[in-house]
Amino acid sequence: MGDLFWVLRNRLDANARRAVEVYARELAEYRMMSTGSQGRTSLMDFAVVLRRRMLTLAEDDRPFDEEDLAYIAAVGRERGERGVSLASHRRVLVLHSSLTLDEIQDAAGPNDLSALMHTLAWLAPQGVIAQNAYTRGYMEGQEHRLPLATRVQLLAKLLLADDPAAPDLAGNVGMDVPERYLVTVVRVAGRPFGWAERVRDDIIETLVGGHRVPMTWPTREEFVALVPETGDGRATAGERALSLAREFAAAVGRPCSAGSAPGRPHALAGALTMARQVSQVAPVHAVPTRVHGMADVFVELGAAQLPQVEEWLRGVARRLSGGPDLLATLEVYYRCDMNRLLAATALHIHPRTLDYRLQRVRELTGLNPGSTRGVRVLNTAVARVLAGAWPELDSGGA
């Protein structure tokens, strides 16, 4: 099939040597691996064998067989056991693909169009198959080096980054990748607390033991979990997300808020952004009472984006903060759907005392708490206080 394969075979050793040099130049971990004669020989052997086998199979239009893929996976496993980072693992796959294409292009002569197109057509699917085998082996090697909690956090990061390696790692930690996730962000309120890395790892390990879902703690004030939405519907995912959020809040011993948004694998970045925004305006509690979605706080989301509206609501809340537990009273009143008897019982006060407080709200703000306008304004103002938007205002125990 032309001279292309003949030229590539003559250049095989030189191309493999160049690939090892590029890996060593671009990646510090591969540079360390290539310093000793044994490490460099190992890198060279794999580069040569892989190229020779690729040429033979491409020329005959045959796929990689099980023995080929087992060998490729074994090399990936060895790299994972050596502690090659995921970033270097991904980068070396990109470098290998680029170098392979360059080698084929440089070897192609003016009469090699047919052979060139044939090789590229073979390389597209078979290259992916080989990379998947290498990645599976790498993940298996990491299993012997990294604890489960670390790999679960890594899985969450890969899923949120829409990384194609995520399904392989999910299988490695015994998890499936569902059609949809409920991305949940638990925000730790107040000043960031410097949890020691060991303490954070211990908390994650405990949560992973009780909730086999991808999770990560990327910043001190933000915990993220990806709760699968199973065939039972979103309610089940919401219940699992709330249970996880409550356990996290209890473990850190700090007030938290929780926000969520649904999303599909390979498109989770937008869901994470929405869940984060919801968590920033959701009510803060010592232990979360629910995981809020956009439908629960869309008014607060809009108000938070408009400084003039936010300042106006702050003024309303400021007038309420001087009353006898008015903010806490309104929070319970609206949580009980404005049912006087239920709200009074929840507040441990007489219904007439509740009436007095609601009348006091009307006097201070000019708004009837039971009117449509009153609900819209007062409920939003209370929600912003509960979310910690204005720390100087005392919520009166709300």
Protein backbone atom coordinates (compact mmCIF):
# COMPACT_ATOMS: atom_id res chain seq x y z
CA MET A 1 0.00 0.00 0.00
CA GLY A 2 2.59 2.57 -1.16
CA ASP A 3 5.85 3.50 0.55
CA LEU A 4 4.28 5.02 3.68
CA PHE A 5 4.58 1.92 5.86
CA TRP A 6 8.09 1.19 4.60
CA VAL A 7 9.22 4.71 5.54
CA LEU A 8 7.56 4.52 8.95
CA ARG A 9 9.28 1.19 9.71
CA ASN A 10 12.66 2.65 8.79
CA ARG A 11 12.04 5.58 11.12
CA LEU A 12 10.51 3.54 13.93
CA ASP A 13 13.43 3.69 16.37
CA ALA A 14 14.11 7.36 15.64
CA ASN A 15 10.44 8.27 16.13
CA ALA A 16 10.27 6.34 19.41
CA ARG A 17 13.44 8.05 20.65
CA ARG A 18 12.04 11.46 19.76
CA ALA A 19 8.79 10.67 21.60
CA VAL A 20 10.65 9.74 24.79
CA GLU A 21 12.67 12.96 24.53
CA VAL A 22 9.49 15.01 24.14
CA TYR A 23 7.88 13.32 27.16
CA ALA A 24 10.97 14.01 29.26
CA ARG A 25 11.13 17.63 28.13
CA GLU A 26 7.44 18.37 28.67
CA LEU A 27 6.72 16.35 31.83
CA ALA A 28 8.83 16.43 35.00
CA GLU A 29 7.65 12.97 36.08
CA TYR A 30 8.72 11.42 32.79
CA ARG A 31 11.99 13.33 32.99
CA MET A 32 12.69 11.62 36.30
CA MET A 33 11.68 8.25 34.87
CA SER A 34 14.11 8.64 31.97
CA THR A 35 17.16 9.61 34.08
CA GLY A 36 18.15 6.01 34.84
CA SER A 37 19.07 3.54 32.11
CA GLN A 38 16.35 1.11 33.19
CA GLY A 39 13.64 3.75 33.16
CA ARG A 40 14.67 5.09 29.75
CA THR A 41 14.85 1.57 28.35
CA SER A 42 11.33 0.88 29.60
CA LEU A 43 10.00 4.04 27.97
CA MET A 44 11.80 3.24 24.70
CA ASP A 45 10.60 -0.36 24.62
CA PHE A 46 6.95 0.65 24.95
CA ALA A 47 7.28 3.41 22.35
CA VAL A 48 8.90 0.99 19.87
CA VAL A 49 6.54 -1.94 20.46
CA LEU A 50 3.45 0.24 20.23
CA ARG A 51 4.55 1.82 16.95
CA ARG A 52 5.59 -1.50 15.41
CA ARG A 53 2.30 -3.14 16.34
CA MET A 54 0.32 -0.17 15.10
CA LEU A 55 2.00 -0.33 11.69
CA THR A 56 1.36 -4.06 11.33
CA LEU A 57 -2.30 -3.84 12.26
CA ALA A 58 -3.01 -0.68 10.27
CA GLU A 59 -1.45 -2.13 7.14
CA ASP A 60 -3.55 -5.29 7.46
CA ASP A 61 -6.62 -3.33 8.63
CA ARG A 62 -6.92 -5.40 11.81
CA PRO A 63 -7.87 -4.12 15.30
CA PHE A 64 -5.85 -4.43 18.48
CA ASP A 65 -6.45 -7.91 19.93
CA GLU A 66 -6.91 -8.82 23.59
CA GLU A 67 -3.20 -9.53 24.05
CA ASP A 68 -2.30 -6.10 22.66
CA LEU A 69 -4.75 -4.32 24.93
CA ALA A 70 -3.64 -6.33 27.98
CA TYR A 71 -0.03 -5.26 27.32
CA ILE A 72 -1.03 -1.60 26.89
CA ALA A 73 -3.10 -1.77 30.11
CA ALA A 74 -0.17 -3.35 31.97
CA VAL A 75 2.08 -0.42 31.02
CA GLY A 76 -0.61 2.04 32.15
CA ARG A 77 -0.96 0.13 35.42
CA GLU A 78 2.79 0.35 36.02
CA ARG A 79 2.71 4.12 35.45
CA GLY A 80 -0.20 4.47 37.88
CA GLU A 81 1.63 2.44 40.53
CA ARG A 82 4.70 4.64 40.11
CA GLY A 83 2.59 7.65 41.08
CA VAL A 84 2.35 9.43 37.74
CA SER A 85 -0.17 12.23 38.28
CA LEU A 86 -3.46 12.36 36.41
CA ALA A 87 -2.38 15.61 34.76
CA SER A 88 0.78 13.94 33.40
CA HIS A 89 -1.21 10.87 32.37
CA ARG A 90 -3.62 12.99 30.34
CA ARG A 91 -0.84 15.13 28.89
CA VAL A 92 1.20 12.15 27.70
CA LEU A 93 -1.84 10.80 25.83
CA VAL A 94 -2.19 14.14 24.03
CA LEU A 95 1.53 14.22 23.23
CA HIS A 96 1.46 10.65 21.92
CA SER A 97 -1.51 11.40 19.64
CA SER A 98 0.12 14.57 18.28
CA LEU A 99 3.45 12.86 17.69
CA THR A 100 1.82 9.92 15.93
CA LEU A 101 0.01 12.22 13.52
CA ASP A 102 3.21 14.19 12.89
CA GLU A 103 5.15 11.00 12.18
CA ILE A 104 2.55 9.80 9.66
CA GLN A 105 2.37 13.19 7.95
CA ASP A 106 6.17 13.54 7.71
CA ALA A 107 6.50 10.05 6.21
CA ALA A 108 3.74 10.48 3.61
CA GLY A 109 4.98 11.12 0.07
CA PRO A 110 3.13 12.55 -2.93
CA ASN A 111 1.94 9.07 -3.96
CA ASP A 112 0.79 7.94 -0.50
CA LEU A 113 -2.68 9.51 -0.40
CA SER A 114 -4.47 6.16 -0.37
CA ALA A 115 -2.20 4.72 2.32
CA LEU A 116 -2.44 7.93 4.34
CA MET A 117 -6.25 7.98 4.35
CA HIS A 118 -6.34 4.25 5.15
CA THR A 119 -4.00 4.75 8.12
CA LEU A 120 -5.90 7.73 9.51
CA ALA A 121 -9.21 5.86 9.17
CA TRP A 122 -7.73 2.94 11.14
CA LEU A 123 -6.09 5.19 13.72
CA ALA A 124 -9.22 7.11 14.74
CA PRO A 125 -11.13 4.23 16.40
CA GLN A 126 -8.13 2.08 17.33
CA GLY A 127 -6.31 4.99 18.95
CA VAL A 128 -9.28 5.56 21.26
CA ILE A 129 -9.44 1.85 22.12
CA ALA A 130 -5.73 1.79 22.97
CA GLN A 131 -5.98 4.95 25.07
CA ASN A 132 -8.95 3.55 26.99
CA ALA A 133 -7.00 0.37 27.76
CA TYR A 134 -4.02 2.41 28.92
CA THR A 135 -6.27 4.59 31.10
CA ARG A 136 -8.00 1.57 32.66
CA GLY A 137 -4.61 0.15 33.56
CA TYR A 138 -3.51 3.51 34.95
CA MET A 139 -6.60 3.75 37.15
CA GLU A 140 -6.00 0.22 38.46
CA GLY A 141 -2.44 1.21 39.32
CA GLN A 142 -3.72 4.28 41.16
CA GLU A 143 -6.05 2.04 43.17
CA HIS A 144 -3.05 0.45 44.88
CA ARG A 145 -1.50 3.84 45.60
CA LEU A 146 -4.35 6.22 46.46
CA PRO A 147 -7.00 5.68 49.16
CA LEU A 148 -10.65 5.38 48.13
CA ALA A 149 -11.58 8.82 49.45
CA THR A 150 -8.90 10.46 47.30
CA ARG A 151 -10.05 8.62 44.18
CA VAL A 152 -13.69 9.53 44.86
CA GLN A 153 -12.73 13.22 45.08
CA LEU A 154 -10.74 12.86 41.88
CA LEU A 155 -13.79 11.30 40.20
CA ALA A 156 -15.94 14.28 41.22
CA LYS A 157 -13.39 16.69 39.77
CA LEU A 158 -13.21 14.75 36.49
CA LEU A 159 -17.01 14.63 36.18
CA LEU A 160 -17.33 18.36 36.86
CA ALA A 161 -14.59 19.03 34.28
CA ASP A 162 -16.38 16.79 31.73
CA ASP A 163 -13.21 14.70 31.49
CA PRO A 164 -13.53 11.56 29.29
CA ALA A 165 -11.47 9.58 31.82
CA ALA A 166 -14.29 9.86 34.41
CA PRO A 167 -16.17 6.65 33.46
CA ASP A 168 -13.00 4.57 33.84
CA LEU A 169 -12.33 5.99 37.30
CA ALA A 170 -16.00 5.52 38.25
CA GLY A 171 -15.69 1.82 37.50
CA ASN A 172 -12.46 1.72 39.47
CA VAL A 173 -14.21 2.98 42.63
CA GLY A 174 -17.30 0.82 42.12
CA MET A 175 -19.68 3.55 40.94
CA ASP A 176 -21.84 3.88 37.85
CA VAL A 177 -22.20 7.07 35.84
CA PRO A 178 -25.97 7.73 35.66
CA GLU A 179 -27.87 9.73 33.09
CA ARG A 180 -28.35 12.63 35.53
CA TYR A 181 -26.83 13.96 38.74
CA LEU A 182 -28.19 16.33 41.33
CA VAL A 183 -25.15 18.57 41.80
CA THR A 184 -25.22 19.73 45.43
CA VAL A 185 -23.13 22.52 46.95
CA VAL A 186 -22.97 22.89 50.74
CA ARG A 187 -21.63 26.31 51.73
CA VAL A 188 -20.01 26.79 55.12
CA ALA A 189 -21.17 30.16 56.50
CA GLY A 190 -19.08 32.70 58.34
CA ARG A 191 -15.37 33.29 58.14
CA PRO A 192 -13.43 30.48 56.42
CA PHE A 193 -11.98 28.04 58.89
CA GLY A 194 -8.59 26.48 58.20
CA TRP A 195 -9.37 22.79 58.51
CA ALA A 196 -6.16 20.78 58.44
CA GLU A 197 -5.77 18.62 55.35
CA ARG A 198 -5.82 15.50 57.52
CA VAL A 199 -9.11 16.52 59.15
CA ARG A 200 -10.69 17.22 55.78
CA ASP A 201 -9.54 13.84 54.47
CA ASP A 202 -11.00 12.11 57.54
CA ILE A 203 -14.37 13.82 57.05
CA ILE A 204 -14.44 12.92 53.36
CA GLU A 205 -13.51 9.33 54.16
CA THR A 206 -16.38 9.08 56.65
CA LEU A 207 -18.88 10.58 54.20
CA VAL A 208 -17.71 8.30 51.38
CA GLY A 209 -18.26 5.32 53.65
CA GLY A 210 -21.91 6.24 54.20
CA HIS A 211 -22.66 7.81 50.81
CA ARG A 212 -21.08 6.16 47.80
CA VAL A 213 -21.30 9.23 45.57
CA PRO A 214 -18.64 11.43 43.97
CA MET A 215 -17.75 14.33 46.25
CA THR A 216 -15.02 16.92 46.67
CA TRP A 217 -14.10 19.76 49.03
CA PRO A 218 -12.40 22.21 46.66
CA THR A 219 -12.33 25.23 48.99
CA ARG A 220 -12.61 25.69 52.74
CA GLU A 221 -16.13 27.08 52.47
CA GLU A 222 -17.56 24.85 49.74
CA PHE A 223 -18.33 21.13 49.65
CA VAL A 224 -19.66 19.56 46.42
CA ALA A 225 -21.43 16.22 45.94
CA LEU A 226 -22.83 14.59 42.80
CA VAL A 227 -25.87 12.59 43.83
CA PRO A 228 -27.17 10.20 41.14
CA GLU A 229 -30.77 10.65 40.08
CA THR A 230 -32.03 7.08 39.94
CA GLY A 231 -35.21 5.71 38.46
CA ASP A 232 -37.05 6.66 41.64
CA GLY A 233 -36.95 10.32 40.56
CA ARG A 234 -35.39 13.52 41.82
CA ALA A 235 -37.07 13.30 45.25
CA THR A 236 -34.88 10.34 46.14
CA ALA A 237 -31.79 12.22 45.00
CA GLY A 238 -32.95 15.23 47.02
CA GLU A 239 -33.38 13.13 50.15
CA ARG A 240 -29.92 11.62 49.72
CA ALA A 241 -28.43 15.06 49.10
CA LEU A 242 -30.06 16.43 52.26
CA SER A 243 -28.79 13.51 54.35
CA LEU A 244 -25.28 14.08 53.04
CA ALA A 245 -25.48 17.85 53.62
CA ARG A 246 -26.66 17.34 57.19
CA GLU A 247 -23.85 14.91 57.96
CA PHE A 248 -21.29 17.27 56.48
CA ALA A 249 -22.60 20.21 58.54
CA ALA A 250 -22.54 18.11 61.70
CA ALA A 251 -18.99 16.99 60.96
CA VAL A 252 -17.61 20.51 60.46
CA GLY A 253 -19.68 21.98 63.29
CA ARG A 254 -20.49 25.16 61.37
CA PRO A 255 -23.76 26.59 60.03
CA CYS A 256 -24.30 25.71 56.37
CA SER A 257 -26.61 26.32 53.45
CA ALA A 258 -27.26 23.86 50.63
CA GLY A 259 -28.10 24.45 46.97
CA SER A 260 -28.57 22.06 44.08
CA ALA A 261 -29.13 21.86 40.35
CA PRO A 262 -29.67 18.86 38.06
CA GLY A 263 -27.24 18.11 35.26
CA ARG A 264 -26.10 15.41 32.86
CA PRO A 265 -22.58 13.97 32.61
CA HIS A 266 -20.42 15.86 30.10
CA ALA A 267 -22.46 19.00 30.87
CA LEU A 268 -22.11 19.48 34.62
CA ALA A 269 -20.24 22.79 34.67
CA GLY A 270 -23.45 24.80 34.31
CA ALA A 271 -25.19 22.75 37.00
CA LEU A 272 -22.29 23.41 39.38
CA THR A 273 -22.48 27.15 38.72
CA MET A 274 -26.22 27.21 39.41
CA ALA A 275 -25.94 25.05 42.54
CA ARG A 276 -23.20 27.34 43.84
CA GLN A 277 -25.33 30.45 43.25
CA VAL A 278 -28.33 28.83 44.95
CA SER A 279 -26.21 27.89 47.99
CA GLN A 280 -25.08 31.52 48.30
CA VAL A 281 -28.65 32.80 48.73
CA ALA A 282 -30.18 29.79 50.50
CA PRO A 283 -30.93 30.06 54.25
CA VAL A 284 -28.11 29.17 56.63
CA HIS A 285 -28.88 26.74 59.44
CA ALA A 286 -26.83 24.93 62.05
CA VAL A 287 -27.90 21.79 60.20
CA PRO A 288 -29.54 22.23 56.75
CA THR A 289 -33.28 21.61 56.77
CA ARG A 290 -33.49 21.18 53.01
CA VAL A 291 -31.45 21.32 49.84
CA HIS A 292 -32.75 24.28 47.87
CA GLY A 293 -33.15 24.47 44.12
CA MET A 294 -33.53 27.41 41.77
CA ALA A 295 -37.33 27.33 42.09
CA ASP A 296 -37.01 27.86 45.85
CA VAL A 297 -34.82 30.97 45.71
CA PHE A 298 -35.23 32.50 42.26
CA VAL A 299 -36.46 35.77 43.80
CA GLU A 300 -33.41 35.95 46.08
CA LEU A 301 -31.13 35.13 43.15
CA GLY A 302 -32.54 38.05 41.20
CA ALA A 303 -32.35 40.43 44.16
CA ALA A 304 -28.74 39.52 44.86
CA GLN A 305 -27.79 40.54 41.31
CA LEU A 306 -29.26 44.05 41.64
CA PRO A 307 -27.46 46.28 44.20
CA GLN A 308 -30.33 48.78 44.37
CA VAL A 309 -32.87 46.06 45.20
CA GLU A 310 -30.48 44.47 47.67
CA GLU A 311 -29.97 47.79 49.49
CA TRP A 312 -33.72 48.45 49.60
CA LEU A 313 -34.37 45.01 51.11
CA ARG A 314 -31.58 45.62 53.62
CA GLY A 315 -33.45 48.71 54.75
CA VAL A 316 -36.63 46.69 55.26
CA ALA A 317 -34.73 44.07 57.25
CA ARG A 318 -33.00 46.74 59.30
CA ARG A 319 -36.37 48.12 60.44
CA LEU A 320 -37.45 44.61 61.45
CA SER A 321 -34.25 43.81 63.34
CA GLY A 322 -35.17 46.18 66.19
CA GLY A 323 -38.48 44.45 66.96
CA PRO A 324 -39.22 41.59 69.35
CA ASP A 325 -37.98 38.59 67.33
CA LEU A 326 -39.75 39.85 64.23
CA LEU A 327 -37.37 38.28 61.70
CA ALA A 328 -37.59 34.89 63.41
CA THR A 329 -41.37 35.24 63.65
CA LEU A 330 -41.74 35.98 59.95
CA GLU A 331 -39.43 33.11 59.00
CA VAL A 332 -41.61 30.62 60.93
CA TYR A 333 -44.86 32.29 59.82
CA TYR A 334 -43.99 31.88 56.14
CA ARG A 335 -42.53 28.41 56.68
CA CYS A 336 -45.94 27.42 58.10
CA ASP A 337 -47.71 28.84 55.01
CA MET A 338 -49.09 31.72 57.13
CA ASN A 339 -51.10 29.35 59.33
CA ARG A 340 -51.45 31.26 62.62
CA LEU A 341 -51.95 28.27 64.88
CA LEU A 342 -49.10 26.23 63.39
CA ALA A 343 -46.75 29.21 63.48
CA ALA A 344 -47.64 30.08 67.09
CA THR A 345 -47.09 26.47 68.13
CA ALA A 346 -43.72 26.33 66.36
CA LEU A 347 -42.70 29.58 68.08
CA HIS A 348 -44.01 28.41 71.47
CA ILE A 349 -46.13 31.56 71.85
CA HIS A 350 -49.85 32.36 72.11
CA PRO A 351 -51.62 33.12 68.79
CA ARG A 352 -52.43 36.59 70.14
CA THR A 353 -48.72 37.20 70.70
CA LEU A 354 -48.14 36.21 67.10
CA ASP A 355 -50.86 38.67 66.02
CA TYR A 356 -49.14 41.41 68.00
CA ARG A 357 -45.82 40.73 66.31
CA LEU A 358 -47.37 40.71 62.84
CA GLN A 359 -49.08 44.01 63.64
CA ARG A 360 -45.70 45.37 64.73
CA VAL A 361 -44.23 44.32 61.36
CA ARG A 362 -47.02 46.26 59.64
CA GLU A 363 -46.29 49.36 61.74
CA LEU A 364 -42.53 49.26 61.08
CA THR A 365 -42.62 48.53 57.36
CA GLY A 366 -46.04 49.60 56.13
CA LEU A 367 -46.50 46.09 54.75
CA ASN A 368 -49.20 43.59 55.72
CA PRO A 369 -47.35 40.23 56.21
CA GLY A 370 -50.40 38.36 54.93
CA SER A 371 -50.84 40.37 51.72
CA THR A 372 -49.41 39.42 48.35
CA ARG A 373 -47.04 42.38 48.39
CA GLY A 374 -46.08 41.71 51.99
CA VAL A 375 -45.21 38.10 51.26
CA ARG A 376 -43.08 39.05 48.27
CA VAL A 377 -41.09 41.73 50.08
CA LEU A 378 -40.89 40.47 53.65
CA ASN A 379 -40.23 36.83 52.80
CA THR A 380 -37.38 37.86 50.48
CA ALA A 381 -35.88 40.18 53.09
CA VAL A 382 -35.99 37.45 55.72
CA ALA A 383 -34.45 34.95 53.29
CA ARG A 384 -31.53 37.30 52.59
CA VAL A 385 -30.93 37.70 56.34
CA LEU A 386 -31.01 33.92 56.82
CA ALA A 387 -28.53 33.53 53.96
CA GLY A 388 -26.07 35.75 55.84
CA ALA A 389 -26.19 38.53 53.26
CA TRP A 390 -26.12 41.22 55.97
CA PRO A 391 -24.13 39.91 58.97
CA GLU A 392 -24.71 43.11 60.94
CA LEU A 393 -28.42 42.33 61.22
CA ASP A 394 -29.56 40.10 64.06
CA SER A 395 -32.09 37.54 62.83
CA GLY A 396 -33.45 37.17 66.33
CA GLY A 397 -32.72 33.45 66.40
CA ALA A 398 -34.08 32.70 62.90
